[in-house]
Amino acid sequence: MSSITSTLLNYLVFRYLQESGFTHAAFTLGYEAGINKCTIDGNLVPPGALVSFVQKGLQYLEMEANLSNSDVDMDEDISFLQPLDLITKNVCELRQMVKEKKKNVPGNKDKEKDVDREHEGERSRAKEKEKHDKDKEREREKEKIDKGKEREKLHEDHTGQEMPTNQEYKVNEKPGENGVPKGSEPMDISTTSACQSCEIPHSDVTILEGHTSEVCACAWSPTGSLLASGSGDSTARLWTIADGTCRSSAQNGPLNVLVLKHVKGRNNEKSKDVTTLDWNGEGTLLATGSYDGQARIWNTNGELKATLSKHKGPIFSLKWNKKGDYLLTGSCDKTAIVWDVKAEEWKQQFEFHAGPTLDVDWRNNVSFATSSTDNMIYVCKIGETRPIKIFAGHQGEVNCVKWDPTGSLLASCSDDVSAKIWNMKQDKYVHDLREHAKEIYTIRWSPTGPGTNNPNDQLVLASASFDSTVKLWDVELGKLLYSLNGHRDPVYSVAFSPNGEYLASGSLDKSLHIWSLKEGKIVKTFSGHGGIFEVCWNKEGDKIAACFANNTVCVLDFRM
């Protein structure tokens, strides 16, 4: 258990939030890592503390903005509160505390009256805004009904034809073999190109229930029907998914599930939440990473085979190499560690980053890339004491790094609203991809091109952003191919089908879309009851799993 001072807490909450401009990185870091066990002036902070700090910090700054005026120094209000107040009280209570304490400050009584009048005006404006918003909402609902009727009429009038879109685009050349046009103008694809029949009914979806907190990671075994999920409830679970068409769990009867507990006895602490997981290539071992800084290795029977302890902070990312003899972990402690799985001990720790390590990815069995909040990317090799390559060029936190199927190109994405492509032969990026409007959260390479099972199809890169879009890129030319504009909220995850013909995307808008790259449209869609943190395909490409913020995992049957 660590302890931090009041001064450090104030710095963490106020300065970090102000200087970051409230960018998503603060929330992501809080969600994925957290200072989950610490004391403030001797008081134990509840689980999930850092994200609470962030939220309380935002609330306090909101309150502070309402109270402050041109005659008052903003730092003055901070002095009225104790650090523990931020953790234990809501914004209304904090506001009242500051108000009461400011009464005793000379010259503030008159100001207090002004503040009260200002708040009364705010309440009146809020009521007017609420009424205005309700009127607008009714108008939008009416528009939806009218548009729905128009779509039904269009569908009846043009049966068998593709629905018209509200975007104009042209393609200069015919699509390639995997449906992606070469040398074409970028296409804006919207959900209006998907017919109503694309909605997957809930009766054709298996709902996996059992987790008691948000499910933030999921992965299919590469060799079988096992699906692994990791949650904020300090467990991972192994679900056995039967072959054939999915049906609701009520129709299927009891589910075959193994619970992998990351706590012992009564020590049910939030710090052991599962943040990431990965199967080895043979599908015989599952590795999980946790808030407590430990990596754990399990077999398919749910037995704990090894606990790997050396990190001094939460593990953000974790990957097996292809051979399966090494496990790579990246942590909030700014380091990456290669573990010798057979010996159950660490082989080498890489301490190059100046900030938390956000992602790691193997290039081959002995070398890998790491990315960090320090804007840097390092390519490292087992046995080497310095990076074998340094990629500098991003101006924001680098959220994700991924090698292409051959290990010749490295893609990265960042809070600086860009994705970049690098190779080992030059220091500067090969392509700078800048079509997104907000931070790019994740990227994925298609399983196509040389060195894959689909060698005749074009290699493309997909990027998912907080601007609610997914974009597909021509990696040879460094140009945008498609902009997939079907979501309404940030897109957290994308995944290509094994044959590279389809792309699944999951968003905080609670929807999962499946896009056909040949037809350039949504062919299937599913709406759940919580934001989606990850989507993944099974090895046959006939099932898609998605993990949700409402504690569930959904498995969708996909047969075209």
Protein backbone atom coordinates (compact mmCIF):
# COMPACT_ATOMS: atom_id res chain seq x y z
CA MET A 1 0.00 0.00 0.00
CA SER A 2 1.45 3.35 -1.05
CA SER A 3 0.89 6.74 0.56
CA ILE A 4 0.81 10.17 -1.09
CA THR A 5 0.75 13.62 0.47
CA SER A 6 -1.94 16.26 0.27
CA THR A 7 0.37 18.41 -1.85
CA LEU A 8 0.94 15.61 -4.34
CA LEU A 9 -2.79 14.88 -4.57
CA ASN A 10 -3.56 18.53 -5.28
CA TYR A 11 -0.91 18.46 -7.99
CA LEU A 12 -2.30 15.25 -9.49
CA VAL A 13 -5.89 16.43 -9.55
CA PHE A 14 -5.65 20.09 -10.48
CA ARG A 15 -2.45 20.57 -12.45
CA TYR A 16 -2.65 17.32 -14.42
CA LEU A 17 -6.23 17.98 -15.50
CA GLN A 18 -5.61 21.63 -16.32
CA GLU A 19 -2.42 21.04 -18.26
CA SER A 20 -3.87 18.06 -20.17
CA GLY A 21 -6.81 20.13 -21.36
CA PHE A 22 -9.15 17.31 -20.29
CA THR A 23 -8.02 15.13 -23.20
CA HIS A 24 -9.13 11.51 -23.19
CA ALA A 25 -5.74 10.30 -22.02
CA ALA A 26 -6.51 11.38 -18.47
CA PHE A 27 -9.70 9.35 -18.43
CA THR A 28 -8.16 6.36 -20.19
CA LEU A 29 -5.23 6.32 -17.82
CA GLY A 30 -7.56 6.57 -14.86
CA TYR A 31 -9.80 3.82 -16.18
CA GLU A 32 -7.04 1.41 -17.20
CA ALA A 33 -4.61 1.99 -14.37
CA GLY A 34 -5.63 3.97 -11.32
CA ILE A 35 -3.89 4.49 -8.03
CA ASN A 36 -6.23 1.94 -6.58
CA LYS A 37 -4.76 1.49 -3.11
CA CYS A 38 -3.37 4.57 -1.42
CA THR A 39 -3.88 6.73 1.64
CA ILE A 40 -4.47 10.46 1.83
CA ASP A 41 -3.28 11.91 5.14
CA GLY A 42 -3.71 8.48 6.69
CA ASN A 43 -7.17 7.81 5.20
CA LEU A 44 -7.72 4.85 2.89
CA VAL A 45 -8.91 5.91 -0.56
CA PRO A 46 -11.72 3.77 -2.07
CA PRO A 47 -11.04 1.43 -5.03
CA GLY A 48 -10.63 3.00 -8.46
CA ALA A 49 -9.10 6.09 -6.89
CA LEU A 50 -7.41 7.80 -9.81
CA VAL A 51 -10.52 7.81 -11.95
CA SER A 52 -12.33 9.19 -8.90
CA PHE A 53 -9.65 11.87 -8.63
CA VAL A 54 -10.23 12.76 -12.26
CA GLN A 55 -14.01 12.91 -11.89
CA LYS A 56 -13.87 14.83 -8.60
CA GLY A 57 -11.25 17.14 -10.06
CA LEU A 58 -13.56 17.91 -12.97
CA GLN A 59 -16.49 18.49 -10.61
CA TYR A 60 -14.41 20.79 -8.43
CA LEU A 61 -13.16 22.78 -11.39
CA GLU A 62 -16.75 23.10 -12.59
CA MET A 63 -17.76 24.36 -9.15
CA GLU A 64 -14.76 26.66 -9.06
CA ALA A 65 -15.71 28.17 -12.41
CA ASN A 66 -19.20 28.93 -11.07
CA LEU A 67 -17.87 30.55 -7.88
CA SER A 68 -14.93 32.50 -9.21
CA ASN A 69 -15.06 36.03 -10.60
CA SER A 70 -12.62 38.60 -11.87
CA ASP A 71 -11.78 39.85 -8.37
CA VAL A 72 -10.89 36.46 -6.88
CA ASP A 73 -7.74 34.43 -7.47
CA MET A 74 -8.66 30.91 -8.60
CA ASP A 75 -6.13 29.36 -6.23
CA GLU A 76 -7.98 31.01 -3.32
CA ASP A 77 -10.91 28.57 -3.56
CA ILE A 78 -8.59 25.54 -3.55
CA SER A 79 -7.35 26.51 -0.12
CA PHE A 80 -10.83 26.12 1.40
CA LEU A 81 -10.92 22.34 0.87
CA GLN A 82 -8.98 19.41 2.27
CA PRO A 83 -7.82 16.63 -0.10
CA LEU A 84 -10.11 14.07 1.51
CA ASP A 85 -13.11 16.32 0.77
CA LEU A 86 -12.57 15.71 -2.95
CA ILE A 87 -12.85 11.96 -2.47
CA THR A 88 -15.78 11.84 -0.05
CA LYS A 89 -18.09 14.70 -1.10
CA ASN A 90 -19.98 15.52 -4.26
CA VAL A 91 -19.84 18.81 -6.10
CA CYS A 92 -22.91 20.28 -4.34
CA GLU A 93 -21.42 19.59 -0.92
CA LEU A 94 -18.07 21.03 -2.00
CA ARG A 95 -19.74 24.15 -3.33
CA GLN A 96 -21.63 24.65 -0.08
CA MET A 97 -18.43 24.15 1.96
CA VAL A 98 -16.59 26.82 -0.03
CA LYS A 99 -19.58 29.13 0.20
CA GLU A 100 -19.81 28.78 4.00
CA LYS A 101 -16.08 29.22 4.53
CA LYS A 102 -15.93 32.26 2.29
CA LYS A 103 -18.52 33.97 4.49
CA ASN A 104 -15.82 34.38 7.12
CA VAL A 105 -13.41 36.05 4.73
CA PRO A 106 -13.49 39.89 5.02
CA GLY A 107 -15.09 41.58 2.02
CA ASN A 108 -16.73 38.41 0.75
CA LYS A 109 -20.26 38.94 2.13
CA ASP A 110 -21.24 41.33 -0.61
CA LYS A 111 -19.68 39.03 -3.17
CA GLU A 112 -21.72 36.16 -1.74
CA LYS A 113 -24.93 38.02 -2.54
CA ASP A 114 -23.72 38.51 -6.10
CA VAL A 115 -22.92 34.81 -6.33
CA ASP A 116 -26.40 33.89 -5.07
CA ARG A 117 -28.00 36.17 -7.66
CA GLU A 118 -25.75 34.63 -10.31
CA HIS A 119 -26.79 31.11 -9.27
CA GLU A 120 -30.45 32.10 -9.43
CA GLY A 121 -29.85 33.35 -12.94
CA GLU A 122 -28.09 30.09 -13.77
CA ARG A 123 -31.05 28.07 -12.51
CA SER A 124 -33.43 30.12 -14.66
CA ARG A 125 -31.20 29.68 -17.69
CA ALA A 126 -30.92 25.95 -16.96
CA LYS A 127 -34.70 25.62 -16.90
CA GLU A 128 -34.99 27.46 -20.20
CA LYS A 129 -32.27 25.28 -21.72
CA GLU A 130 -33.97 22.13 -20.44
CA LYS A 131 -37.25 23.20 -22.03
CA HIS A 132 -35.45 24.08 -25.26
CA ASP A 133 -33.63 20.71 -25.27
CA LYS A 134 -36.91 18.83 -24.73
CA ASP A 135 -38.49 20.69 -27.64
CA LYS A 136 -35.50 19.86 -29.84
CA GLU A 137 -35.62 16.22 -28.72
CA ARG A 138 -39.30 16.00 -29.71
CA GLU A 139 -38.43 17.50 -33.09
CA ARG A 140 -35.61 14.96 -33.56
CA GLU A 141 -37.92 12.07 -32.65
CA LYS A 142 -40.47 13.32 -35.17
CA GLU A 143 -37.73 13.55 -37.80
CA LYS A 144 -36.64 9.99 -37.01
CA ILE A 145 -40.19 8.72 -37.45
CA ASP A 146 -40.57 10.62 -40.72
CA LYS A 147 -37.20 9.38 -42.00
CA GLY A 148 -38.08 5.85 -40.96
CA LYS A 149 -41.26 6.02 -43.00
CA GLU A 150 -39.27 7.37 -45.96
CA ARG A 151 -36.74 4.51 -45.68
CA GLU A 152 -39.54 1.93 -45.55
CA LYS A 153 -41.09 3.46 -48.65
CA LEU A 154 -37.72 3.51 -50.44
CA HIS A 155 -37.14 -0.11 -49.45
CA GLU A 156 -40.51 -1.09 -50.88
CA ASP A 157 -39.92 0.88 -54.08
CA HIS A 158 -36.37 -0.39 -54.62
CA THR A 159 -36.41 -3.97 -53.36
CA GLY A 160 -33.13 -5.71 -54.06
CA GLN A 161 -31.27 -2.44 -54.65
CA GLU A 162 -28.74 -0.77 -52.35
CA MET A 163 -30.17 2.02 -50.23
CA PRO A 164 -29.11 5.53 -51.27
CA THR A 165 -26.75 7.35 -48.92
CA ASN A 166 -26.56 10.94 -47.79
CA GLN A 167 -22.92 11.08 -48.92
CA GLU A 168 -21.72 11.58 -52.49
CA TYR A 169 -18.60 9.73 -53.56
CA LYS A 170 -16.93 8.26 -56.60
CA VAL A 171 -14.52 5.41 -57.22
CA ASN A 172 -12.06 5.83 -60.05
CA GLU A 173 -11.10 2.19 -60.24
CA LYS A 174 -12.81 -1.12 -59.62
CA PRO A 175 -12.30 -2.63 -56.18
CA GLY A 176 -9.35 -4.90 -55.60
CA GLU A 177 -9.82 -8.58 -54.91
CA ASN A 178 -10.64 -7.98 -51.26
CA GLY A 179 -13.00 -5.17 -52.18
CA VAL A 180 -10.70 -2.26 -51.31
CA PRO A 181 -10.31 0.16 -54.23
CA LYS A 182 -6.78 1.00 -55.33
CA GLY A 183 -5.91 4.54 -56.32
CA SER A 184 -9.47 5.71 -55.62
CA GLU A 185 -10.95 8.79 -54.05
CA PRO A 186 -11.77 8.18 -50.38
CA MET A 187 -15.32 7.02 -49.76
CA ASP A 188 -17.53 8.29 -46.94
CA ILE A 189 -19.70 5.41 -45.85
CA SER A 190 -22.64 6.07 -43.55
CA THR A 191 -25.19 3.86 -41.80
CA THR A 192 -27.86 4.93 -44.25
CA SER A 193 -26.28 2.49 -46.70
CA ALA A 194 -27.38 -0.38 -44.45
CA CYS A 195 -30.91 -1.71 -44.73
CA GLN A 196 -33.13 -2.24 -41.72
CA SER A 197 -32.83 -6.01 -42.09
CA CYS A 198 -29.15 -5.74 -41.04
CA GLU A 199 -30.10 -5.46 -37.38
CA ILE A 200 -29.22 -8.71 -35.58
CA PRO A 201 -32.12 -9.73 -33.30
CA HIS A 202 -31.31 -10.38 -29.65
CA SER A 203 -32.64 -13.91 -30.07
CA ASP A 204 -29.65 -14.67 -32.31
CA VAL A 205 -27.11 -13.46 -29.77
CA THR A 206 -25.63 -15.35 -26.82
CA ILE A 207 -25.47 -13.09 -23.76
CA LEU A 208 -22.75 -14.23 -21.36
CA GLU A 209 -23.59 -13.06 -17.85
CA GLY A 210 -21.62 -13.50 -14.65
CA HIS A 211 -19.15 -10.65 -14.45
CA THR A 212 -20.05 -8.11 -11.77
CA SER A 213 -18.21 -5.14 -13.27
CA GLU A 214 -17.41 -3.73 -16.72
CA VAL A 215 -15.77 -6.20 -19.13
CA CYS A 216 -12.80 -4.48 -20.74
CA ALA A 217 -11.04 -7.29 -22.66
CA CYS A 218 -11.95 -10.41 -24.63
CA ALA A 219 -10.09 -12.86 -26.88
CA TRP A 220 -10.90 -16.12 -28.64
CA SER A 221 -8.56 -19.06 -28.33
CA PRO A 222 -6.70 -19.42 -31.67
CA THR A 223 -7.37 -23.17 -31.78
CA GLY A 224 -10.74 -23.85 -30.18
CA SER A 225 -14.12 -22.62 -29.04
CA LEU A 226 -12.90 -21.01 -25.79
CA LEU A 227 -13.56 -17.32 -25.28
CA ALA A 228 -11.66 -15.43 -22.55
CA SER A 229 -12.92 -12.22 -20.94
CA GLY A 230 -11.35 -9.89 -18.38
CA SER A 231 -13.25 -7.59 -16.05
CA GLY A 232 -13.09 -4.94 -13.37
CA ASP A 233 -14.45 -7.54 -10.94
CA SER A 234 -10.93 -9.01 -10.48
CA THR A 235 -11.68 -12.09 -12.57
CA ALA A 236 -11.10 -13.46 -16.02
CA ARG A 237 -13.52 -16.05 -17.36
CA LEU A 238 -13.24 -18.89 -19.87
CA TRP A 239 -16.47 -19.50 -21.75
CA THR A 240 -17.03 -22.61 -23.85
CA ILE A 241 -19.06 -21.53 -26.87
CA ALA A 242 -20.87 -24.30 -28.73
CA ASP A 243 -20.63 -24.56 -32.51
CA GLY A 244 -23.62 -23.56 -34.58
CA THR A 245 -26.00 -20.65 -34.55
CA CYS A 246 -26.01 -18.50 -31.42
CA ARG A 247 -29.10 -18.30 -29.28
CA SER A 248 -29.86 -16.51 -26.06
CA SER A 249 -28.45 -18.11 -22.92
CA ALA A 250 -31.97 -18.74 -21.66
CA GLN A 251 -32.59 -20.97 -24.69
CA ASN A 252 -29.19 -22.65 -24.47
CA GLY A 253 -29.43 -23.48 -20.78
CA PRO A 254 -26.54 -23.15 -18.29
CA LEU A 255 -23.28 -21.93 -19.76
CA ASN A 256 -19.97 -23.75 -19.36
CA VAL A 257 -17.71 -21.16 -17.71
CA LEU A 258 -14.55 -21.19 -15.61
CA VAL A 259 -13.85 -18.27 -13.26
CA LEU A 260 -10.19 -17.27 -12.92
CA LYS A 261 -10.00 -15.36 -9.63
CA HIS A 262 -7.22 -12.81 -9.22
CA VAL A 263 -7.67 -12.57 -5.45
CA LYS A 264 -7.18 -14.98 -2.58
CA GLY A 265 -9.62 -15.54 0.26
CA ARG A 266 -11.31 -12.35 1.42
CA ASN A 267 -8.75 -10.02 -0.10
CA ASN A 268 -11.21 -8.85 -2.72
CA GLU A 269 -9.46 -5.62 -3.65
CA LYS A 270 -10.04 -3.51 -6.73
CA SER A 271 -6.33 -3.37 -7.46
CA LYS A 272 -6.50 -6.84 -9.01
CA ASP A 273 -8.90 -5.90 -11.81
CA VAL A 274 -7.99 -7.57 -15.10
CA THR A 275 -6.88 -4.99 -17.68
CA THR A 276 -5.59 -7.12 -20.56
CA LEU A 277 -5.26 -10.74 -21.72
CA ASP A 278 -3.74 -12.79 -24.54
CA TRP A 279 -3.63 -16.44 -25.67
CA ASN A 280 -0.43 -18.18 -26.70
CA GLY A 281 -0.25 -19.41 -30.29
CA GLU A 282 -1.24 -22.97 -29.42
CA GLY A 283 -4.27 -21.91 -27.42
CA THR A 284 -3.05 -23.86 -24.39
CA LEU A 285 -2.21 -20.94 -22.08
CA LEU A 286 -3.92 -17.66 -21.28
CA ALA A 287 -1.96 -14.72 -19.85
CA THR A 288 -3.71 -11.95 -17.92
CA GLY A 289 -2.45 -8.56 -16.75
CA SER A 290 -3.81 -6.81 -13.70
CA TYR A 291 -3.91 -3.51 -11.82
CA ASP A 292 -1.71 -5.05 -9.12
CA GLY A 293 1.23 -5.16 -11.56
CA GLN A 294 1.25 -8.95 -11.79
CA ALA A 295 0.93 -11.12 -14.89
CA ARG A 296 -0.67 -14.52 -14.44
CA ILE A 297 -0.63 -17.59 -16.67
CA TRP A 298 -3.54 -20.05 -16.72
CA ASN A 299 -4.25 -23.30 -18.52
CA THR A 300 -7.52 -24.11 -20.30
CA ASN A 301 -8.81 -25.87 -17.18
CA GLY A 302 -8.68 -22.58 -15.29
CA GLU A 303 -5.65 -23.55 -13.20
CA LEU A 304 -3.13 -20.86 -12.27
CA LYS A 305 0.25 -22.03 -13.63
CA ALA A 306 2.44 -19.02 -12.82
CA THR A 307 2.37 -15.57 -11.22
CA LEU A 308 4.93 -13.13 -12.62
CA SER A 309 5.82 -10.32 -10.22
CA LYS A 310 8.30 -7.51 -10.85
CA HIS A 311 6.36 -4.51 -12.15
CA LYS A 312 5.75 -1.70 -9.69
CA GLY A 313 2.58 -0.45 -11.35
CA PRO A 314 -0.53 -1.64 -13.24
CA ILE A 315 0.01 -3.68 -16.41
CA PHE A 316 -1.55 -1.96 -19.44
CA SER A 317 -0.59 -4.39 -22.23
CA LEU A 318 0.61 -7.95 -22.56
CA LYS A 319 1.57 -10.14 -25.56
CA TRP A 320 2.95 -13.63 -26.26
CA ASN A 321 5.61 -14.00 -28.92
CA LYS A 322 4.78 -16.35 -31.78
CA LYS A 323 6.99 -19.15 -30.48
CA GLY A 324 5.30 -19.00 -27.08
CA ASP A 325 8.45 -19.07 -24.95
CA TYR A 326 8.38 -15.38 -24.00
CA LEU A 327 5.68 -13.12 -22.60
CA LEU A 328 5.99 -9.33 -22.96
CA THR A 329 4.34 -6.89 -20.53
CA GLY A 330 4.09 -3.08 -20.46
CA SER A 331 3.32 -1.19 -17.27
CA CYS A 332 2.47 2.13 -15.67
CA ASP A 333 5.91 1.90 -14.03
CA LYS A 334 7.36 3.08 -17.40
CA THR A 335 9.00 -0.27 -18.17
CA ALA A 336 8.50 -3.34 -20.33
CA ILE A 337 9.53 -6.81 -19.19
CA VAL A 338 10.23 -9.99 -21.18
CA TRP A 339 9.39 -13.10 -19.14
CA ASP A 340 10.82 -16.58 -19.63
CA VAL A 341 7.59 -18.54 -19.33
CA LYS A 342 9.18 -21.96 -18.85
CA ALA A 343 11.47 -20.72 -16.08
CA GLU A 344 8.65 -18.56 -14.64
CA GLU A 345 10.98 -15.60 -14.17
CA TRP A 346 11.82 -12.31 -15.83
CA LYS A 347 14.52 -12.39 -18.49
CA GLN A 348 15.05 -8.68 -19.13
CA GLN A 349 13.51 -5.38 -18.07
CA PHE A 350 13.58 -2.45 -20.50
CA GLU A 351 13.62 0.97 -18.81
CA PHE A 352 13.72 3.56 -21.58
CA HIS A 353 10.43 5.46 -21.42
CA ALA A 354 9.89 8.62 -19.36
CA GLY A 355 6.17 7.87 -18.89
CA PRO A 356 3.83 4.88 -18.49
CA THR A 357 4.16 2.20 -21.18
CA LEU A 358 0.79 2.08 -22.94
CA ASP A 359 1.28 -0.67 -25.54
CA VAL A 360 3.70 -3.39 -26.63
CA ASP A 361 3.85 -5.58 -29.75
CA TRP A 362 6.28 -8.27 -30.92
CA ARG A 363 8.02 -7.81 -34.26
CA ASN A 364 9.37 -11.37 -34.20
CA ASN A 365 10.30 -13.86 -31.47
CA VAL A 366 13.08 -11.69 -30.00
CA SER A 367 12.33 -8.03 -30.83
CA PHE A 368 9.35 -5.78 -30.15
CA ALA A 369 8.05 -2.18 -30.04
CA THR A 370 6.80 -0.19 -27.05
CA SER A 371 4.84 3.07 -26.88
CA SER A 372 4.25 5.51 -24.04
CA THR A 373 2.68 8.68 -22.72
CA ASP A 374 6.10 10.29 -23.37
CA ASN A 375 5.24 10.43 -27.13
CA MET A 376 8.08 8.00 -27.95
CA ILE A 377 8.29 4.59 -29.62
CA TYR A 378 11.22 2.24 -28.94
CA VAL A 379 12.11 -0.94 -30.80
CA CYS A 380 13.95 -3.27 -28.44
CA LYS A 381 15.66 -6.65 -28.69
CA ILE A 382 16.31 -9.28 -26.06
CA GLY A 383 19.95 -9.09 -25.00
CA GLU A 384 20.42 -5.48 -26.09
CA THR A 385 20.80 -2.83 -23.38
CA ARG A 386 19.67 0.06 -25.60
CA PRO A 387 16.83 0.37 -28.15
CA ILE A 388 17.78 -0.85 -31.61
CA LYS A 389 15.53 1.84 -33.10
CA ILE A 390 13.93 5.04 -31.80
CA PHE A 391 10.88 6.53 -33.51
CA ALA A 392 10.19 10.16 -32.53
CA GLY A 393 7.56 12.21 -34.32
CA HIS A 394 4.31 12.03 -32.40
CA GLN A 395 3.30 15.15 -30.47
CA GLY A 396 1.00 13.33 -28.05
CA GLU A 397 0.68 10.12 -26.08
CA VAL A 398 1.13 7.05 -28.31
CA ASN A 399 -1.82 4.81 -27.52
CA CYS A 400 -1.13 1.80 -29.71
CA VAL A 401 1.62 0.21 -31.82
CA LYS A 402 1.13 -2.71 -34.22
CA TRP A 403 3.54 -4.49 -36.59
CA ASP A 404 2.18 -5.56 -39.96
CA PRO A 405 1.93 -9.33 -40.66
CA THR A 406 5.51 -9.51 -41.97
CA GLY A 407 7.10 -7.35 -39.27
CA SER A 408 8.41 -4.88 -41.84
CA LEU A 409 6.10 -1.93 -41.09
CA LEU A 410 5.09 -0.50 -37.71
CA ALA A 411 1.87 1.49 -37.32
CA SER A 412 1.22 3.83 -34.39
CA CYS A 413 -1.61 6.10 -33.29
CA SER A 414 -1.69 8.97 -30.86
CA ASP A 415 -3.55 11.68 -29.01
CA ASP A 416 -1.99 14.08 -31.54
CA VAL A 417 -4.81 13.03 -33.95
CA SER A 418 -2.44 11.21 -36.27
CA ALA A 419 -1.51 7.66 -37.18
CA LYS A 420 1.95 7.02 -38.57
CA ILE A 421 3.70 4.21 -40.43
CA TRP A 422 7.40 3.50 -39.83
CA ASN A 423 10.01 1.06 -41.09
CA MET A 424 13.35 -0.01 -39.67
CA LYS A 425 15.33 1.46 -42.58
CA GLN A 426 14.70 5.10 -41.75
CA ASP A 427 14.26 7.27 -38.68
CA LYS A 428 11.38 9.42 -39.90
CA TYR A 429 7.90 8.02 -40.46
CA VAL A 430 7.06 6.70 -43.92
CA HIS A 431 3.50 8.08 -43.86
CA ASP A 432 1.72 10.59 -41.64
CA LEU A 433 -2.02 9.81 -41.70
CA ARG A 434 -4.05 12.86 -40.69
CA GLU A 435 -7.74 12.61 -41.59
CA HIS A 436 -9.20 12.07 -38.12
CA ALA A 437 -10.63 14.99 -36.15
CA LYS A 438 -9.90 13.68 -32.64
CA GLU A 439 -7.55 11.36 -30.75
CA ILE A 440 -6.95 7.94 -32.33
CA TYR A 441 -7.43 5.19 -29.77
CA THR A 442 -6.44 2.03 -31.63
CA ILE A 443 -5.25 0.60 -34.96
CA ARG A 444 -5.31 -2.82 -36.67
CA TRP A 445 -3.67 -4.31 -39.78
CA SER A 446 -5.73 -6.41 -42.14
CA PRO A 447 -4.80 -10.15 -42.35
CA THR A 448 -4.04 -9.68 -46.05
CA GLY A 449 -1.03 -9.20 -48.30
CA PRO A 450 2.36 -10.98 -48.36
CA GLY A 451 3.01 -13.40 -45.53
CA THR A 452 -0.69 -13.97 -44.72
CA ASN A 453 -3.34 -16.53 -45.64
CA ASN A 454 -4.75 -13.96 -48.07
CA PRO A 455 -1.60 -13.01 -50.06
CA ASN A 456 -3.43 -11.74 -53.14
CA ASP A 457 -5.43 -9.11 -51.29
CA GLN A 458 -4.28 -5.59 -50.50
CA LEU A 459 -2.80 -4.82 -47.08
CA VAL A 460 -4.72 -2.02 -45.34
CA LEU A 461 -4.65 -0.33 -41.94
CA ALA A 462 -7.75 0.49 -39.88
CA SER A 463 -7.80 3.29 -37.29
CA ALA A 464 -10.50 3.96 -34.70
CA SER A 465 -10.95 7.40 -33.19
CA PHE A 466 -12.74 9.46 -30.59
CA ASP A 467 -14.24 11.35 -33.56
CA SER A 468 -16.66 8.36 -33.89
CA THR A 469 -15.22 7.18 -37.21
CA VAL A 470 -13.16 4.26 -38.46
CA LYS A 471 -10.82 4.92 -41.36
CA LEU A 472 -9.11 2.51 -43.75
CA TRP A 473 -5.74 3.46 -45.25
CA ASP A 474 -3.74 2.51 -48.32
CA VAL A 475 -0.38 1.85 -46.67
CA GLU A 476 1.60 1.94 -49.90
CA LEU A 477 0.43 5.43 -50.87
CA GLY A 478 -0.37 6.67 -47.36
CA LYS A 479 -3.85 7.75 -48.46
CA LEU A 480 -7.36 7.37 -47.08
CA LEU A 481 -9.48 4.67 -48.72
CA TYR A 482 -12.69 4.60 -46.69
CA SER A 483 -14.16 6.68 -43.90
CA LEU A 484 -16.73 4.57 -42.05
CA ASN A 485 -19.12 6.99 -40.39
CA GLY A 486 -21.66 4.71 -38.72
CA HIS A 487 -21.04 5.42 -35.03
CA ARG A 488 -22.22 8.32 -32.87
CA ASP A 489 -19.65 8.09 -30.06
CA PRO A 490 -15.93 7.21 -29.71
CA VAL A 491 -14.87 3.92 -31.30
CA TYR A 492 -12.77 1.85 -28.91
CA SER A 493 -12.15 -1.30 -30.94
CA VAL A 494 -11.90 -2.64 -34.48
CA ALA A 495 -11.15 -6.16 -35.75
CA PHE A 496 -10.79 -7.68 -39.22
CA SER A 497 -12.37 -11.02 -40.05
CA PRO A 498 -9.82 -13.81 -40.68
CA ASN A 499 -10.35 -13.60 -44.45
CA GLY A 500 -10.02 -9.80 -44.46
CA GLU A 501 -13.38 -9.26 -46.13
CA TYR A 502 -15.17 -7.75 -43.13
CA LEU A 503 -14.41 -5.29 -40.35
CA ALA A 504 -16.15 -5.20 -36.96
CA SER A 505 -16.23 -1.97 -34.93
CA GLY A 506 -17.43 -1.37 -31.38
CA SER A 507 -18.27 1.99 -29.86
CA LEU A 508 -19.38 3.73 -26.69
CA ASP A 509 -22.68 4.30 -28.52
CA LYS A 510 -23.46 0.65 -27.54
CA SER A 511 -23.49 -0.55 -31.14
CA LEU A 512 -21.38 -3.09 -33.01
CA HIS A 513 -21.23 -2.70 -36.79
CA ILE A 514 -19.92 -5.25 -39.29
CA TRP A 515 -18.76 -3.66 -42.53
CA SER A 516 -18.30 -5.40 -45.87
CA LEU A 517 -15.15 -4.09 -47.52
CA LYS A 518 -16.28 -5.46 -50.88
CA GLU A 519 -19.66 -3.71 -50.82
CA GLY A 520 -18.56 -0.70 -48.79
CA LYS A 521 -21.48 -0.80 -46.36
CA ILE A 522 -22.76 -2.14 -43.06
CA VAL A 523 -24.06 -5.68 -43.49
CA LYS A 524 -24.83 -6.50 -39.85
CA THR A 525 -25.35 -4.39 -36.75
CA PHE A 526 -26.18 -5.08 -33.11
CA SER A 527 -27.21 -2.72 -30.33
CA GLY A 528 -26.36 -3.70 -26.77
CA HIS A 529 -26.92 -2.10 -23.38
CA GLY A 530 -23.52 -0.60 -22.64
CA GLY A 531 -20.47 0.89 -24.27
CA ILE A 532 -18.28 -1.63 -26.13
CA PHE A 533 -14.63 -1.86 -25.11
CA GLU A 534 -13.40 -4.65 -27.41
CA VAL A 535 -14.54 -6.82 -30.34
CA CYS A 536 -12.89 -9.97 -31.69
CA TRP A 537 -13.51 -12.75 -34.26
CA ASN A 538 -13.08 -16.48 -33.73
CA LYS A 539 -10.63 -18.35 -35.96
CA GLU A 540 -13.36 -19.61 -38.33
CA GLY A 541 -14.73 -16.10 -38.81
CA ASP A 542 -18.30 -17.14 -38.07
CA LYS A 543 -18.62 -15.63 -34.58
CA ILE A 544 -17.85 -12.22 -33.10
CA ALA A 545 -17.51 -11.46 -29.41
CA ALA A 546 -17.96 -8.02 -27.87
CA CYS A 547 -17.44 -6.97 -24.24
CA PHE A 548 -19.65 -4.32 -22.71
CA ALA A 549 -19.61 -1.79 -19.90
CA ASN A 550 -22.83 -3.31 -18.50
CA ASN A 551 -20.87 -6.39 -17.27
CA THR A 552 -21.81 -8.67 -20.16
CA VAL A 553 -20.10 -10.36 -23.10
CA CYS A 554 -22.12 -10.93 -26.28
CA VAL A 555 -21.40 -13.53 -28.94
CA LEU A 556 -22.94 -12.91 -32.36
CA ASP A 557 -23.37 -15.49 -35.07
CA PHE A 558 -22.04 -14.23 -38.42
CA ARG A 559 -23.07 -16.08 -41.56
CA MET A 560 -23.56 -14.22 -44.84
